[in-house]
N, C-alpha and C. Protein backbone atom coordinates (compact mmCIF):
# COMPACT_ATOMS: atom_id res chain seq x y z
N UNK A 1 77.06 -115.93 36.82
CA UNK A 1 75.92 -114.99 36.78
C UNK A 1 74.82 -115.52 37.74
N UNK A 2 74.34 -114.74 38.63
CA UNK A 2 73.27 -115.10 39.55
C UNK A 2 72.00 -115.47 38.82
N UNK A 3 71.21 -116.30 39.49
CA UNK A 3 69.97 -116.80 38.83
C UNK A 3 69.12 -115.69 38.25
N UNK A 4 68.87 -114.65 39.03
CA UNK A 4 67.99 -113.58 38.56
C UNK A 4 68.54 -112.92 37.31
N UNK A 5 69.86 -112.69 37.24
CA UNK A 5 70.51 -112.12 36.06
C UNK A 5 70.41 -113.05 34.88
N UNK A 6 70.55 -114.36 35.11
CA UNK A 6 70.47 -115.36 33.98
C UNK A 6 69.03 -115.36 33.44
N UNK A 7 68.06 -115.40 34.36
CA UNK A 7 66.63 -115.42 33.90
C UNK A 7 66.30 -114.15 33.20
N UNK A 8 66.74 -112.98 33.68
CA UNK A 8 66.44 -111.71 33.01
C UNK A 8 67.09 -111.74 31.62
N UNK A 9 68.35 -112.20 31.46
CA UNK A 9 69.03 -112.22 30.17
C UNK A 9 68.33 -113.20 29.23
N UNK A 10 67.78 -114.26 29.72
CA UNK A 10 67.07 -115.24 28.96
C UNK A 10 65.78 -114.63 28.37
N UNK A 11 65.01 -113.93 29.15
CA UNK A 11 63.82 -113.29 28.70
C UNK A 11 64.08 -112.12 27.84
N UNK A 12 65.12 -111.34 28.12
CA UNK A 12 65.47 -110.24 27.29
C UNK A 12 65.82 -110.67 25.90
N UNK A 13 66.62 -111.81 25.79
CA UNK A 13 66.97 -112.33 24.48
C UNK A 13 65.66 -112.85 23.77
N UNK A 14 64.80 -113.50 24.49
CA UNK A 14 63.51 -113.92 23.94
C UNK A 14 62.71 -112.72 23.37
N UNK A 15 62.63 -111.70 24.10
CA UNK A 15 61.84 -110.51 23.64
C UNK A 15 62.51 -109.81 22.43
N UNK A 16 63.81 -109.90 22.36
CA UNK A 16 64.52 -109.32 21.18
C UNK A 16 64.51 -110.29 19.98
N UNK A 17 64.04 -111.51 20.26
CA UNK A 17 64.13 -112.59 19.28
C UNK A 17 65.54 -112.87 18.83
N UNK A 18 66.47 -112.73 19.74
CA UNK A 18 67.94 -112.98 19.55
C UNK A 18 68.13 -114.44 19.94
N UNK A 19 67.83 -115.37 19.04
CA UNK A 19 67.90 -116.80 19.34
C UNK A 19 69.27 -117.20 19.64
N UNK A 20 70.30 -116.66 19.07
CA UNK A 20 71.68 -117.09 19.38
C UNK A 20 71.97 -116.77 20.84
N UNK A 21 71.69 -115.60 21.35
CA UNK A 21 71.91 -115.28 22.75
C UNK A 21 71.02 -116.11 23.68
N UNK A 22 69.78 -116.39 23.19
CA UNK A 22 68.81 -117.17 23.95
C UNK A 22 69.34 -118.57 24.20
N UNK A 23 69.86 -119.22 23.14
CA UNK A 23 70.31 -120.58 23.25
C UNK A 23 71.68 -120.62 23.90
N UNK A 24 72.46 -119.56 23.86
CA UNK A 24 73.75 -119.55 24.61
C UNK A 24 73.53 -119.57 26.08
N UNK A 25 72.31 -119.26 26.58
CA UNK A 25 72.05 -119.22 27.99
C UNK A 25 71.57 -120.56 28.50
N UNK A 26 71.56 -121.56 27.65
CA UNK A 26 71.14 -122.93 28.02
C UNK A 26 72.29 -123.88 28.18
N UNK A 27 72.17 -124.85 29.11
CA UNK A 27 73.11 -125.89 29.16
C UNK A 27 72.91 -126.89 27.98
N UNK A 28 73.86 -127.63 27.63
CA UNK A 28 73.67 -128.55 26.45
C UNK A 28 72.58 -129.60 26.78
N UNK A 29 72.40 -129.99 28.04
CA UNK A 29 71.50 -130.96 28.40
C UNK A 29 70.20 -130.38 29.08
N UNK A 30 69.89 -129.10 28.72
CA UNK A 30 68.76 -128.46 29.31
C UNK A 30 67.56 -129.33 29.26
N UNK A 31 66.76 -129.22 30.40
CA UNK A 31 65.47 -129.95 30.49
C UNK A 31 64.42 -128.93 30.35
N UNK A 32 63.45 -129.20 29.42
CA UNK A 32 62.39 -128.25 29.15
C UNK A 32 61.07 -129.01 29.35
N UNK A 33 60.32 -128.60 30.43
CA UNK A 33 59.00 -129.13 30.66
C UNK A 33 57.97 -128.20 30.08
N UNK A 34 57.29 -128.76 29.04
CA UNK A 34 56.34 -127.98 28.27
C UNK A 34 55.01 -127.90 29.01
N UNK A 35 54.41 -126.72 29.02
CA UNK A 35 53.09 -126.58 29.68
C UNK A 35 52.14 -127.57 29.25
N UNK A 36 51.54 -128.32 30.23
CA UNK A 36 50.57 -129.34 29.94
C UNK A 36 51.01 -130.35 28.83
N UNK A 37 52.35 -130.59 28.78
CA UNK A 37 52.92 -131.47 27.79
C UNK A 37 53.98 -132.32 28.37
N UNK A 38 54.91 -132.75 27.47
CA UNK A 38 55.97 -133.61 27.87
C UNK A 38 57.22 -132.89 28.32
N UNK A 39 58.24 -133.68 28.46
CA UNK A 39 59.54 -133.16 28.86
C UNK A 39 60.50 -133.45 27.71
N UNK A 40 61.27 -132.45 27.32
CA UNK A 40 62.28 -132.54 26.34
C UNK A 40 63.62 -132.33 27.05
N UNK A 41 64.65 -132.96 26.48
CA UNK A 41 66.00 -132.85 26.97
C UNK A 41 66.96 -132.56 25.86
N UNK A 42 67.78 -131.48 26.06
CA UNK A 42 68.82 -131.14 25.15
C UNK A 42 68.51 -129.88 24.41
N UNK A 43 69.61 -129.19 24.11
CA UNK A 43 69.55 -127.92 23.41
C UNK A 43 68.91 -128.02 22.03
N UNK A 44 69.23 -129.07 21.28
CA UNK A 44 68.63 -129.25 19.96
C UNK A 44 67.17 -129.45 20.00
N UNK A 45 66.63 -130.18 21.02
CA UNK A 45 65.14 -130.36 21.12
C UNK A 45 64.53 -129.05 21.46
N UNK A 46 65.16 -128.22 22.24
CA UNK A 46 64.65 -126.92 22.61
C UNK A 46 64.67 -125.96 21.38
N UNK A 47 65.78 -126.09 20.56
CA UNK A 47 65.87 -125.30 19.33
C UNK A 47 64.63 -125.66 18.39
N UNK A 48 64.38 -126.93 18.28
CA UNK A 48 63.26 -127.40 17.38
C UNK A 48 61.98 -126.90 17.97
N UNK A 49 61.78 -126.94 19.24
CA UNK A 49 60.55 -126.48 19.90
C UNK A 49 60.40 -124.96 19.60
N UNK A 50 61.41 -124.16 19.80
CA UNK A 50 61.34 -122.74 19.61
C UNK A 50 61.09 -122.38 18.13
N UNK A 51 61.72 -123.16 17.20
CA UNK A 51 61.51 -122.91 15.76
C UNK A 51 59.95 -123.09 15.45
N UNK A 52 59.39 -124.11 16.04
CA UNK A 52 57.88 -124.37 15.80
C UNK A 52 57.13 -123.18 16.47
N UNK A 53 57.45 -122.83 17.70
CA UNK A 53 56.71 -121.77 18.41
C UNK A 53 56.85 -120.40 17.63
N UNK A 54 58.06 -120.14 17.19
CA UNK A 54 58.26 -118.80 16.49
C UNK A 54 57.56 -118.78 15.07
N UNK A 55 57.27 -120.01 14.53
CA UNK A 55 56.51 -120.07 13.30
C UNK A 55 55.03 -119.81 13.59
N UNK A 56 54.50 -120.33 14.66
CA UNK A 56 53.09 -120.34 15.00
C UNK A 56 52.66 -119.10 15.79
N UNK A 57 53.62 -118.47 16.54
CA UNK A 57 53.20 -117.46 17.48
C UNK A 57 54.24 -116.30 17.42
N UNK A 58 53.79 -115.09 17.68
CA UNK A 58 54.69 -113.99 17.89
C UNK A 58 54.35 -113.46 19.30
N UNK A 59 55.33 -113.48 20.20
CA UNK A 59 55.03 -113.17 21.58
C UNK A 59 56.06 -112.24 22.14
N UNK A 60 55.64 -111.37 23.03
CA UNK A 60 56.46 -110.49 23.85
C UNK A 60 56.04 -110.64 25.32
N UNK A 61 57.01 -110.70 26.24
CA UNK A 61 56.62 -110.89 27.61
C UNK A 61 56.82 -109.53 28.35
N UNK A 62 55.83 -109.16 29.18
CA UNK A 62 55.84 -107.90 29.90
C UNK A 62 55.52 -108.21 31.37
N UNK A 63 55.57 -107.19 32.16
CA UNK A 63 55.24 -107.21 33.56
C UNK A 63 56.00 -108.34 34.29
N UNK A 64 57.30 -108.44 34.03
CA UNK A 64 58.21 -109.49 34.50
C UNK A 64 58.54 -109.32 35.97
N UNK A 65 58.28 -110.34 36.75
CA UNK A 65 58.83 -110.40 38.11
C UNK A 65 59.68 -111.68 38.25
N UNK A 66 60.95 -111.45 38.71
CA UNK A 66 61.86 -112.56 38.79
C UNK A 66 62.30 -112.77 40.20
N UNK A 67 62.30 -114.03 40.67
CA UNK A 67 62.68 -114.35 42.07
C UNK A 67 63.68 -115.49 41.98
N UNK A 68 64.55 -115.57 43.02
CA UNK A 68 65.46 -116.66 43.11
C UNK A 68 65.79 -117.07 44.56
N UNK A 69 66.28 -118.24 44.70
CA UNK A 69 66.72 -118.68 46.03
C UNK A 69 68.09 -118.02 46.36
N UNK A 70 68.48 -118.14 47.60
CA UNK A 70 69.67 -117.42 48.07
C UNK A 70 70.95 -117.92 47.36
N UNK A 71 71.11 -119.23 47.08
CA UNK A 71 72.35 -119.67 46.46
C UNK A 71 72.36 -119.57 44.93
N UNK A 72 71.23 -119.02 44.36
CA UNK A 72 71.21 -118.80 42.94
C UNK A 72 71.10 -119.99 41.99
N UNK A 73 70.67 -121.10 42.54
CA UNK A 73 70.52 -122.34 41.75
C UNK A 73 69.13 -122.60 41.21
N UNK A 74 68.20 -121.83 41.77
CA UNK A 74 66.77 -121.97 41.32
C UNK A 74 66.14 -120.60 41.27
N UNK A 75 65.14 -120.42 40.35
CA UNK A 75 64.49 -119.15 40.27
C UNK A 75 63.09 -119.36 39.66
N UNK A 76 62.40 -118.31 39.61
CA UNK A 76 61.01 -118.30 39.04
C UNK A 76 60.78 -116.97 38.39
N UNK A 77 59.89 -116.94 37.43
CA UNK A 77 59.43 -115.68 36.84
C UNK A 77 57.92 -115.73 36.61
N UNK A 78 57.34 -114.58 36.81
CA UNK A 78 55.90 -114.39 36.53
C UNK A 78 55.84 -113.25 35.51
N UNK A 79 54.98 -113.42 34.54
CA UNK A 79 54.91 -112.36 33.49
C UNK A 79 53.66 -112.48 32.73
N UNK A 80 53.44 -111.56 31.78
CA UNK A 80 52.27 -111.53 30.94
C UNK A 80 52.76 -111.79 29.51
N UNK A 81 52.14 -112.77 28.82
CA UNK A 81 52.46 -113.06 27.42
C UNK A 81 51.47 -112.24 26.56
N UNK A 82 52.04 -111.36 25.68
CA UNK A 82 51.30 -110.57 24.71
C UNK A 82 51.63 -111.21 23.38
N UNK A 83 50.61 -111.88 22.84
CA UNK A 83 50.92 -112.62 21.58
C UNK A 83 49.97 -112.48 20.46
N UNK A 84 50.37 -113.07 19.38
CA UNK A 84 49.59 -113.14 18.15
C UNK A 84 49.75 -114.51 17.62
N UNK A 85 48.61 -115.15 17.27
CA UNK A 85 48.60 -116.56 16.79
C UNK A 85 48.67 -116.46 15.27
N UNK A 86 49.77 -116.89 14.68
CA UNK A 86 50.03 -116.70 13.25
C UNK A 86 49.70 -117.88 12.38
N UNK A 87 50.08 -119.08 12.82
CA UNK A 87 49.91 -120.28 11.97
C UNK A 87 49.27 -121.36 12.87
N UNK A 88 48.23 -122.03 12.37
CA UNK A 88 47.58 -123.02 13.09
C UNK A 88 48.49 -124.06 13.68
N UNK A 89 48.44 -124.32 15.00
CA UNK A 89 49.26 -125.30 15.64
C UNK A 89 48.35 -126.55 15.77
N UNK A 90 48.97 -127.73 15.52
CA UNK A 90 48.25 -129.02 15.47
C UNK A 90 47.44 -129.20 16.73
N UNK A 91 46.13 -129.52 16.55
CA UNK A 91 45.25 -129.83 17.67
C UNK A 91 44.71 -128.63 18.41
N UNK A 92 44.98 -127.43 17.88
CA UNK A 92 44.46 -126.23 18.49
C UNK A 92 43.59 -125.46 17.51
N UNK A 93 42.82 -124.44 17.98
CA UNK A 93 42.01 -123.69 17.07
C UNK A 93 42.75 -123.11 15.86
N UNK A 94 41.99 -122.84 14.79
CA UNK A 94 42.61 -122.31 13.62
C UNK A 94 43.14 -120.91 13.84
N UNK A 95 44.30 -120.63 13.30
CA UNK A 95 44.94 -119.32 13.49
C UNK A 95 44.49 -118.38 12.36
N UNK A 96 44.21 -117.15 12.77
CA UNK A 96 43.88 -116.08 11.71
C UNK A 96 44.39 -114.78 12.28
N UNK A 97 45.52 -114.76 12.97
CA UNK A 97 46.10 -113.55 13.46
C UNK A 97 45.52 -112.99 14.84
N UNK A 98 44.76 -113.94 15.51
CA UNK A 98 44.19 -113.51 16.77
C UNK A 98 45.31 -113.03 17.76
N UNK A 99 44.93 -112.09 18.55
CA UNK A 99 45.84 -111.66 19.61
C UNK A 99 45.36 -112.20 20.96
N UNK A 100 46.26 -112.30 21.89
CA UNK A 100 45.97 -112.79 23.25
C UNK A 100 46.87 -112.14 24.29
N UNK A 101 46.39 -112.09 25.51
CA UNK A 101 47.11 -111.68 26.67
C UNK A 101 46.86 -112.66 27.74
N UNK A 102 48.00 -113.32 28.19
CA UNK A 102 47.92 -114.46 29.04
C UNK A 102 48.93 -114.46 30.16
N UNK A 103 48.43 -114.52 31.42
CA UNK A 103 49.38 -114.59 32.56
C UNK A 103 50.06 -115.89 32.45
N UNK A 104 51.39 -115.97 32.83
CA UNK A 104 52.15 -117.16 32.76
C UNK A 104 53.30 -117.13 33.78
N UNK A 105 53.96 -118.22 33.93
CA UNK A 105 55.10 -118.31 34.89
C UNK A 105 56.00 -119.43 34.48
N UNK A 106 57.18 -119.39 35.03
CA UNK A 106 58.19 -120.46 34.80
C UNK A 106 59.05 -120.62 35.96
N UNK A 107 59.56 -121.87 36.08
CA UNK A 107 60.46 -122.23 37.15
C UNK A 107 61.76 -122.67 36.50
N UNK A 108 62.88 -122.34 37.13
CA UNK A 108 64.19 -122.60 36.57
C UNK A 108 65.15 -123.28 37.53
N UNK A 109 66.05 -124.08 36.98
CA UNK A 109 67.26 -124.50 37.64
C UNK A 109 68.42 -123.89 36.93
N UNK A 110 69.34 -123.27 37.64
CA UNK A 110 70.46 -122.65 37.04
C UNK A 110 71.75 -123.39 37.45
N UNK A 111 72.62 -123.55 36.48
CA UNK A 111 73.90 -124.25 36.72
C UNK A 111 74.99 -123.43 35.97
N UNK A 112 75.98 -123.01 36.75
CA UNK A 112 77.09 -122.24 36.17
C UNK A 112 76.64 -121.04 35.25
N UNK A 113 75.59 -120.34 35.73
CA UNK A 113 75.13 -119.16 35.02
C UNK A 113 74.30 -119.49 33.75
N UNK A 114 73.84 -120.75 33.61
CA UNK A 114 73.04 -121.14 32.46
C UNK A 114 71.78 -121.84 32.93
N UNK A 115 70.78 -121.79 32.09
CA UNK A 115 69.46 -122.42 32.40
C UNK A 115 69.67 -123.97 32.17
N UNK A 116 69.50 -124.72 33.29
CA UNK A 116 69.60 -126.21 33.17
C UNK A 116 68.20 -126.82 33.11
N UNK A 117 67.15 -126.19 33.63
CA UNK A 117 65.75 -126.64 33.47
C UNK A 117 64.86 -125.42 33.46
N UNK A 118 63.85 -125.57 32.62
CA UNK A 118 62.77 -124.51 32.61
C UNK A 118 61.46 -125.29 32.54
N UNK A 119 60.58 -124.92 33.41
CA UNK A 119 59.21 -125.50 33.43
C UNK A 119 58.22 -124.37 33.30
N UNK A 120 57.47 -124.39 32.22
CA UNK A 120 56.46 -123.32 31.86
C UNK A 120 55.12 -123.66 32.31
N UNK A 121 54.34 -122.63 32.77
CA UNK A 121 52.98 -122.78 33.18
C UNK A 121 52.13 -121.64 32.76
N UNK A 122 51.00 -121.98 32.14
CA UNK A 122 49.96 -121.01 31.74
C UNK A 122 48.64 -121.76 31.60
N UNK A 123 47.54 -121.02 31.55
CA UNK A 123 46.23 -121.64 31.48
C UNK A 123 45.79 -121.79 30.03
N UNK A 124 46.02 -123.01 29.51
CA UNK A 124 45.70 -123.29 28.11
C UNK A 124 44.19 -123.08 27.81
N UNK A 125 43.31 -123.34 28.70
CA UNK A 125 41.90 -123.07 28.50
C UNK A 125 41.63 -121.58 28.28
N UNK A 126 42.31 -120.75 29.04
CA UNK A 126 42.18 -119.28 28.85
C UNK A 126 42.63 -118.88 27.45
N UNK A 127 43.82 -119.40 27.06
CA UNK A 127 44.35 -119.08 25.69
C UNK A 127 43.41 -119.54 24.64
N UNK A 128 42.83 -120.73 24.73
CA UNK A 128 41.87 -121.28 23.74
C UNK A 128 40.60 -120.37 23.70
N UNK A 129 40.12 -119.91 24.88
CA UNK A 129 38.94 -119.03 24.86
C UNK A 129 39.25 -117.78 24.19
N UNK A 130 40.50 -117.26 24.32
CA UNK A 130 40.81 -115.97 23.67
C UNK A 130 41.02 -116.09 22.15
N UNK A 131 41.53 -117.22 21.66
CA UNK A 131 41.84 -117.33 20.27
C UNK A 131 40.72 -118.12 19.49
N UNK A 132 39.92 -118.83 20.26
CA UNK A 132 38.99 -119.71 19.61
C UNK A 132 37.68 -119.03 19.23
N UNK A 133 37.44 -117.85 19.67
CA UNK A 133 36.18 -117.21 19.47
C UNK A 133 36.05 -116.76 17.96
């Protein structure tokens, strides 16, 4: 599967909250670079991360633009996160159902039609300003 199709399937599964399909699109040793955070390696670490995220946040991604290099080994996506802050995340403002709209992007490495690395980027200060008021 070409990079653009893999990335599209990844985000389509995310938006449907089809976690089985979502995780099936990852390599076992997937590298996940967390926005303004650390690096996690492995599908189980990503599962744990997503379980936490899905508990604290409800998000849908819109206005998706996907790009890839010619050989299909790398790609990028730009999108808008439409979210609701459900449960207070450690070290962040208290959650009370606030909604937010946040531009974001991600960079990918693709291997054999699966996501081998994803690096996410968004403006945390913008998010805090939207939910912290």
